[in-house]
Amino acid sequence: MAKTSVVARSKKTPKYSTRIVRRCFRCGRKHGYMRMFGICRICFRELSGRGEIPGIKKSSW
């Protein structure tokens, strides 16, 4: 979990557009972020395993 101050700082509009930091809305992680879902890879794996993301299911063959 990211500190609340770090998350709050990333939500502010930056001075330059290249400084935008996208963070997971659940845990605040910035690395391994998936833009399509708005969450990090770890939270994606947890939610998809439980079936909470519509259209995503664990593959098995």
PDB file of N, CA and C in Angstrom:
ATOM      1  N   MET A   1       0.828  -1.184   0.000  1.00  0.00           N
ATOM      2  CA  MET A   1       0.000   0.000   0.000  1.00  0.00           C
ATOM      3  C   MET A   1       0.875   1.251   0.000  1.00  0.00           C
ATOM      4  N   ALA A   2       0.559   2.153  -0.910  1.00  0.00           N
ATOM      5  CA  ALA A   2       1.271   3.420  -0.974  1.00  0.00           C
ATOM      6  C   ALA A   2       0.750   4.342   0.124  1.00  0.00           C
ATOM      7  N   LYS A   3       1.629   5.225   0.577  1.00  0.00           N
ATOM      8  CA  LYS A   3       1.209   6.172   1.608  1.00  0.00           C
ATOM      9  C   LYS A   3       0.137   7.094   1.038  1.00  0.00           C
ATOM     10  N   THR A   4      -0.739   7.557   1.895  1.00  0.00           N
ATOM     11  CA  THR A   4      -1.824   8.426   1.441  1.00  0.00           C
ATOM     12  C   THR A   4      -1.296   9.741   0.891  1.00  0.00           C
ATOM     13  N   SER A   5      -0.175  10.221   1.436  1.00  0.00           N
ATOM     14  CA  SER A   5       0.386  11.470   0.936  1.00  0.00           C
ATOM     15  C   SER A   5       0.907  11.311  -0.488  1.00  0.00           C
ATOM     16  N   VAL A   6       1.474  10.148  -0.803  1.00  0.00           N
ATOM     17  CA  VAL A   6       1.993   9.884  -2.148  1.00  0.00           C
ATOM     18  C   VAL A   6       0.839   9.762  -3.140  1.00  0.00           C
ATOM     19  N   VAL A   7      -0.223   9.101  -2.735  1.00  0.00           N
ATOM     20  CA  VAL A   7      -1.397   8.954  -3.589  1.00  0.00           C
ATOM     21  C   VAL A   7      -2.043  10.321  -3.836  1.00  0.00           C
ATOM     22  N   ALA A   8      -2.140  11.130  -2.806  1.00  0.00           N
ATOM     23  CA  ALA A   8      -2.725  12.460  -2.938  1.00  0.00           C
ATOM     24  C   ALA A   8      -1.885  13.335  -3.862  1.00  0.00           C
ATOM     25  N   ARG A   9      -0.571  13.204  -3.784  1.00  0.00           N
ATOM     26  CA  ARG A   9       0.318  13.990  -4.639  1.00  0.00           C
ATOM     27  C   ARG A   9       0.159  13.592  -6.105  1.00  0.00           C
ATOM     28  N   SER A  10      -0.062  12.310  -6.367  1.00  0.00           N
ATOM     29  CA  SER A  10      -0.209  11.852  -7.751  1.00  0.00           C
ATOM     30  C   SER A  10      -1.553  12.265  -8.345  1.00  0.00           C
ATOM     31  N   LYS A  11      -2.540  12.552  -7.516  1.00  0.00           N
ATOM     32  CA  LYS A  11      -3.850  12.970  -8.013  1.00  0.00           C
ATOM     33  C   LYS A  11      -3.879  14.428  -8.441  1.00  0.00           C
ATOM     34  N   LYS A  12      -2.930  15.226  -7.952  1.00  0.00           N
ATOM     35  CA  LYS A  12      -2.865  16.629  -8.352  1.00  0.00           C
ATOM     36  C   LYS A  12      -2.466  16.739  -9.815  1.00  0.00           C
ATOM     37  N   THR A  13      -2.928  17.782 -10.486  1.00  0.00           N
ATOM     38  CA  THR A  13      -2.521  17.958 -11.880  1.00  0.00           C
ATOM     39  C   THR A  13      -1.079  18.445 -11.913  1.00  0.00           C
ATOM     40  N   PRO A  14      -0.228  17.754 -12.682  1.00  0.00           N
ATOM     41  CA  PRO A  14       1.184  18.112 -12.713  1.00  0.00           C
ATOM     42  C   PRO A  14       1.446  19.357 -13.558  1.00  0.00           C
ATOM     43  N   LYS A  15       2.615  19.932 -13.362  1.00  0.00           N
ATOM     44  CA  LYS A  15       3.017  21.109 -14.110  1.00  0.00           C
ATOM     45  C   LYS A  15       3.197  20.774 -15.591  1.00  0.00           C
ATOM     46  N   TYR A  16       3.728  19.598 -15.852  1.00  0.00           N
ATOM     47  CA  TYR A  16       3.933  19.134 -17.220  1.00  0.00           C
ATOM     48  C   TYR A  16       3.195  17.812 -17.415  1.00  0.00           C
ATOM     49  N   SER A  17       2.673  17.607 -18.615  1.00  0.00           N
ATOM     50  CA  SER A  17       1.842  16.425 -18.868  1.00  0.00           C
ATOM     51  C   SER A  17       2.635  15.115 -18.792  1.00  0.00           C
ATOM     52  N   THR A  18       3.956  15.172 -18.972  1.00  0.00           N
ATOM     53  CA  THR A  18       4.759  13.949 -18.921  1.00  0.00           C
ATOM     54  C   THR A  18       4.978  13.452 -17.496  1.00  0.00           C
ATOM     55  N   ARG A  19       4.619  14.252 -16.530  1.00  0.00           N
ATOM     56  CA  ARG A  19       4.808  13.867 -15.128  1.00  0.00           C
ATOM     57  C   ARG A  19       3.614  13.140 -14.525  1.00  0.00           C
ATOM     58  N   ILE A  20       2.645  12.791 -15.339  1.00  0.00           N
ATOM     59  CA  ILE A  20       1.455  12.088 -14.839  1.00  0.00           C
ATOM     60  C   ILE A  20       1.861  10.712 -14.314  1.00  0.00           C
ATOM     61  N   VAL A  21       1.418  10.398 -13.112  1.00  0.00           N
ATOM     62  CA  VAL A  21       1.689   9.092 -12.514  1.00  0.00           C
ATOM     63  C   VAL A  21       0.357   8.381 -12.362  1.00  0.00           C
ATOM     64  N   ARG A  22       0.212   7.274 -13.076  1.00  0.00           N
ATOM     65  CA  ARG A  22      -1.016   6.490 -12.976  1.00  0.00           C
ATOM     66  C   ARG A  22      -0.825   5.451 -11.882  1.00  0.00           C
ATOM     67  N   ARG A  23      -1.797   5.370 -10.986  1.00  0.00           N
ATOM     68  CA  ARG A  23      -1.705   4.457  -9.855  1.00  0.00           C
ATOM     69  C   ARG A  23      -2.949   3.589  -9.775  1.00  0.00           C
ATOM     70  N   CYS A  24      -2.754   2.423  -9.195  1.00  0.00           N
ATOM     71  CA  CYS A  24      -3.864   1.503  -8.948  1.00  0.00           C
ATOM     72  C   CYS A  24      -4.820   2.155  -7.948  1.00  0.00           C
ATOM     73  N   PHE A  25      -6.113   2.096  -8.233  1.00  0.00           N
ATOM     74  CA  PHE A  25      -7.059   2.742  -7.321  1.00  0.00           C
ATOM     75  C   PHE A  25      -7.268   1.935  -6.046  1.00  0.00           C
ATOM     76  N   ARG A  26      -6.913   0.651  -6.064  1.00  0.00           N
ATOM     77  CA  ARG A  26      -7.088  -0.176  -4.865  1.00  0.00           C
ATOM     78  C   ARG A  26      -5.926  -0.046  -3.895  1.00  0.00           C
ATOM     79  N   CYS A  27      -4.688  -0.197  -4.395  1.00  0.00           N
ATOM     80  CA  CYS A  27      -3.538  -0.247  -3.493  1.00  0.00           C
ATOM     81  C   CYS A  27      -2.571   0.927  -3.666  1.00  0.00           C
ATOM     82  N   GLY A  28      -2.671   1.674  -4.757  1.00  0.00           N
ATOM     83  CA  GLY A  28      -1.797   2.822  -4.964  1.00  0.00           C
ATOM     84  C   GLY A  28      -0.488   2.502  -5.650  1.00  0.00           C
ATOM     85  N   ARG A  29      -0.312   1.274  -6.102  1.00  0.00           N
ATOM     86  CA  ARG A  29       0.922   0.853  -6.764  1.00  0.00           C
ATOM     87  C   ARG A  29       1.040   1.530  -8.128  1.00  0.00           C
ATOM     88  N   LYS A  30       2.256   1.969  -8.487  1.00  0.00           N
ATOM     89  CA  LYS A  30       2.433   2.637  -9.774  1.00  0.00           C
ATOM     90  C   LYS A  30       3.104   1.764 -10.826  1.00  0.00           C
ATOM     91  N   HIS A  31       3.823   0.743 -10.422  1.00  0.00           N
ATOM     92  CA  HIS A  31       4.448  -0.154 -11.388  1.00  0.00           C
ATOM     93  C   HIS A  31       3.509  -1.323 -11.678  1.00  0.00           C
ATOM     94  N   GLY A  32       3.547  -1.810 -12.891  1.00  0.00           N
ATOM     95  CA  GLY A  32       2.682  -2.925 -13.272  1.00  0.00           C
ATOM     96  C   GLY A  32       1.235  -2.496 -13.418  1.00  0.00           C
ATOM     97  N   TYR A  33       1.013  -1.245 -13.814  1.00  0.00           N
ATOM     98  CA  TYR A  33      -0.327  -0.676 -13.941  1.00  0.00           C
ATOM     99  C   TYR A  33      -0.922  -1.037 -15.291  1.00  0.00           C
ATOM    100  N   MET A  34      -2.177  -1.454 -15.307  1.00  0.00           N
ATOM    101  CA  MET A  34      -2.880  -1.785 -16.554  1.00  0.00           C
ATOM    102  C   MET A  34      -3.907  -0.698 -16.823  1.00  0.00           C
ATOM    103  N   ARG A  35      -3.677   0.077 -17.879  1.00  0.00           N
ATOM    104  CA  ARG A  35      -4.563   1.200 -18.193  1.00  0.00           C
ATOM    105  C   ARG A  35      -5.983   0.756 -18.502  1.00  0.00           C
ATOM    106  N   MET A  36      -6.113  -0.369 -19.155  1.00  0.00           N
ATOM    107  CA  MET A  36      -7.435  -0.840 -19.572  1.00  0.00           C
ATOM    108  C   MET A  36      -8.366  -1.065 -18.375  1.00  0.00           C
ATOM    109  N   PHE A  37      -7.794  -1.484 -17.257  1.00  0.00           N
ATOM    110  CA  PHE A  37      -8.596  -1.783 -16.078  1.00  0.00           C
ATOM    111  C   PHE A  37      -8.413  -0.768 -14.959  1.00  0.00           C
ATOM    112  N   GLY A  38      -7.332   0.011 -14.976  1.00  0.00           N
ATOM    113  CA  GLY A  38      -7.089   1.015 -13.944  1.00  0.00           C
ATOM    114  C   GLY A  38      -6.552   0.439 -12.650  1.00  0.00           C
ATOM    115  N   ILE A  39      -6.001  -0.788 -12.722  1.00  0.00           N
ATOM    116  CA  ILE A  39      -5.456  -1.428 -11.534  1.00  0.00           C
ATOM    117  C   ILE A  39      -4.098  -2.042 -11.858  1.00  0.00           C
ATOM    118  N   CYS A  40      -3.364  -2.414 -10.818  1.00  0.00           N
ATOM    119  CA  CYS A  40      -2.050  -3.031 -11.008  1.00  0.00           C
ATOM    120  C   CYS A  40      -2.228  -4.522 -11.291  1.00  0.00           C
ATOM    121  N   ARG A  41      -1.129  -5.158 -11.682  1.00  0.00           N
ATOM    122  CA  ARG A  41      -1.175  -6.569 -12.068  1.00  0.00           C
ATOM    123  C   ARG A  41      -1.547  -7.472 -10.905  1.00  0.00           C
ATOM    124  N   ILE A  42      -1.154  -7.100  -9.699  1.00  0.00           N
ATOM    125  CA  ILE A  42      -1.428  -7.931  -8.527  1.00  0.00           C
ATOM    126  C   ILE A  42      -2.921  -7.892  -8.189  1.00  0.00           C
ATOM    127  N   CYS A  43      -3.488  -6.689  -8.174  1.00  0.00           N
ATOM    128  CA  CYS A  43      -4.924  -6.558  -7.912  1.00  0.00           C
ATOM    129  C   CYS A  43      -5.736  -7.176  -9.040  1.00  0.00           C
ATOM    130  N   PHE A  44      -5.236  -7.059 -10.275  1.00  0.00           N
ATOM    131  CA  PHE A  44      -5.916  -7.676 -11.412  1.00  0.00           C
ATOM    132  C   PHE A  44      -5.996  -9.182 -11.236  1.00  0.00           C
ATOM    133  N   ARG A  45      -4.904  -9.777 -10.804  1.00  0.00           N
ATOM    134  CA  ARG A  45      -4.862 -11.229 -10.622  1.00  0.00           C
ATOM    135  C   ARG A  45      -5.824 -11.667  -9.516  1.00  0.00           C
ATOM    136  N   GLU A  46      -5.864 -10.896  -8.428  1.00  0.00           N
ATOM    137  CA  GLU A  46      -6.779 -11.224  -7.321  1.00  0.00           C
ATOM    138  C   GLU A  46      -8.237 -11.129  -7.768  1.00  0.00           C
ATOM    139  N   LEU A  47      -8.591 -10.012  -8.405  1.00  0.00           N
ATOM    140  CA  LEU A  47      -9.982  -9.783  -8.796  1.00  0.00           C
ATOM    141  C   LEU A  47     -10.430 -10.738  -9.898  1.00  0.00           C
ATOM    142  N   SER A  48      -9.541 -11.006 -10.862  1.00  0.00           N
ATOM    143  CA  SER A  48      -9.934 -11.906 -11.943  1.00  0.00           C
ATOM    144  C   SER A  48     -10.058 -13.349 -11.446  1.00  0.00           C
ATOM    145  N   GLY A  49      -9.254 -13.723 -10.477  1.00  0.00           N
ATOM    146  CA  GLY A  49      -9.354 -15.059  -9.897  1.00  0.00           C
ATOM    147  C   GLY A  49     -10.658 -15.280  -9.172  1.00  0.00           C
ATOM    148  N   ARG A  50     -11.180 -14.205  -8.569  1.00  0.00           N
ATOM    149  CA  ARG A  50     -12.463 -14.285  -7.875  1.00  0.00           C
ATOM    150  C   ARG A  50     -13.650 -14.072  -8.811  1.00  0.00           C
ATOM    151  N   GLY A  51     -13.359 -13.683 -10.072  1.00  0.00           N
ATOM    152  CA  GLY A  51     -14.434 -13.465 -11.042  1.00  0.00           C
ATOM    153  C   GLY A  51     -15.123 -12.134 -10.885  1.00  0.00           C
ATOM    154  N   GLU A  52     -14.446 -11.136 -10.334  1.00  0.00           N
ATOM    155  CA  GLU A  52     -15.061  -9.837 -10.104  1.00  0.00           C
ATOM    156  C   GLU A  52     -14.864  -8.862 -11.250  1.00  0.00           C
ATOM    157  N   ILE A  53     -14.035  -9.236 -12.234  1.00  0.00           N
ATOM    158  CA  ILE A  53     -13.867  -8.392 -13.426  1.00  0.00           C
ATOM    159  C   ILE A  53     -14.687  -9.037 -14.544  1.00  0.00           C
ATOM    160  N   PRO A  54     -15.688  -8.330 -15.066  1.00  0.00           N
ATOM    161  CA  PRO A  54     -16.536  -8.946 -16.084  1.00  0.00           C
ATOM    162  C   PRO A  54     -15.762  -9.232 -17.372  1.00  0.00           C
ATOM    163  N   GLY A  55     -15.973 -10.405 -17.924  1.00  0.00           N
ATOM    164  CA  GLY A  55     -15.343 -10.798 -19.175  1.00  0.00           C
ATOM    165  C   GLY A  55     -13.970 -11.427 -19.027  1.00  0.00           C
ATOM    166  N   ILE A  56     -13.442 -11.504 -17.803  1.00  0.00           N
ATOM    167  CA  ILE A  56     -12.119 -12.077 -17.573  1.00  0.00           C
ATOM    168  C   ILE A  56     -12.291 -13.339 -16.727  1.00  0.00           C
ATOM    169  N   LYS A  57     -11.653 -14.427 -17.171  1.00  0.00           N
ATOM    170  CA  LYS A  57     -11.648 -15.638 -16.352  1.00  0.00           C
ATOM    171  C   LYS A  57     -10.308 -16.332 -16.510  1.00  0.00           C
ATOM    172  N   LYS A  58      -9.942 -17.102 -15.540  1.00  0.00           N
ATOM    173  CA  LYS A  58      -8.664 -17.809 -15.545  1.00  0.00           C
ATOM    174  C   LYS A  58      -8.710 -18.909 -16.602  1.00  0.00           C
ATOM    175  N   SER A  59      -7.700 -18.928 -17.434  1.00  0.00           N
ATOM    176  CA  SER A  59      -7.680 -19.922 -18.499  1.00  0.00           C
ATOM    177  C   SER A  59      -7.125 -21.252 -17.979  1.00  0.00           C
ATOM    178  N   SER A  60      -7.640 -22.329 -18.517  1.00  0.00           N
ATOM    179  CA  SER A  60      -7.126 -23.662 -18.222  1.00  0.00           C
ATOM    180  C   SER A  60      -7.395 -24.540 -19.414  1.00  0.00           C
ATOM    181  N   TRP A  61      -6.418 -25.329 -19.801  1.00  0.00           N
ATOM    182  CA  TRP A  61      -6.597 -26.228 -20.933  1.00  0.00           C
ATOM    183  C   TRP A  61      -5.882 -27.516 -20.733  1.00  0.00           C
TER     184      TRP A  61
END
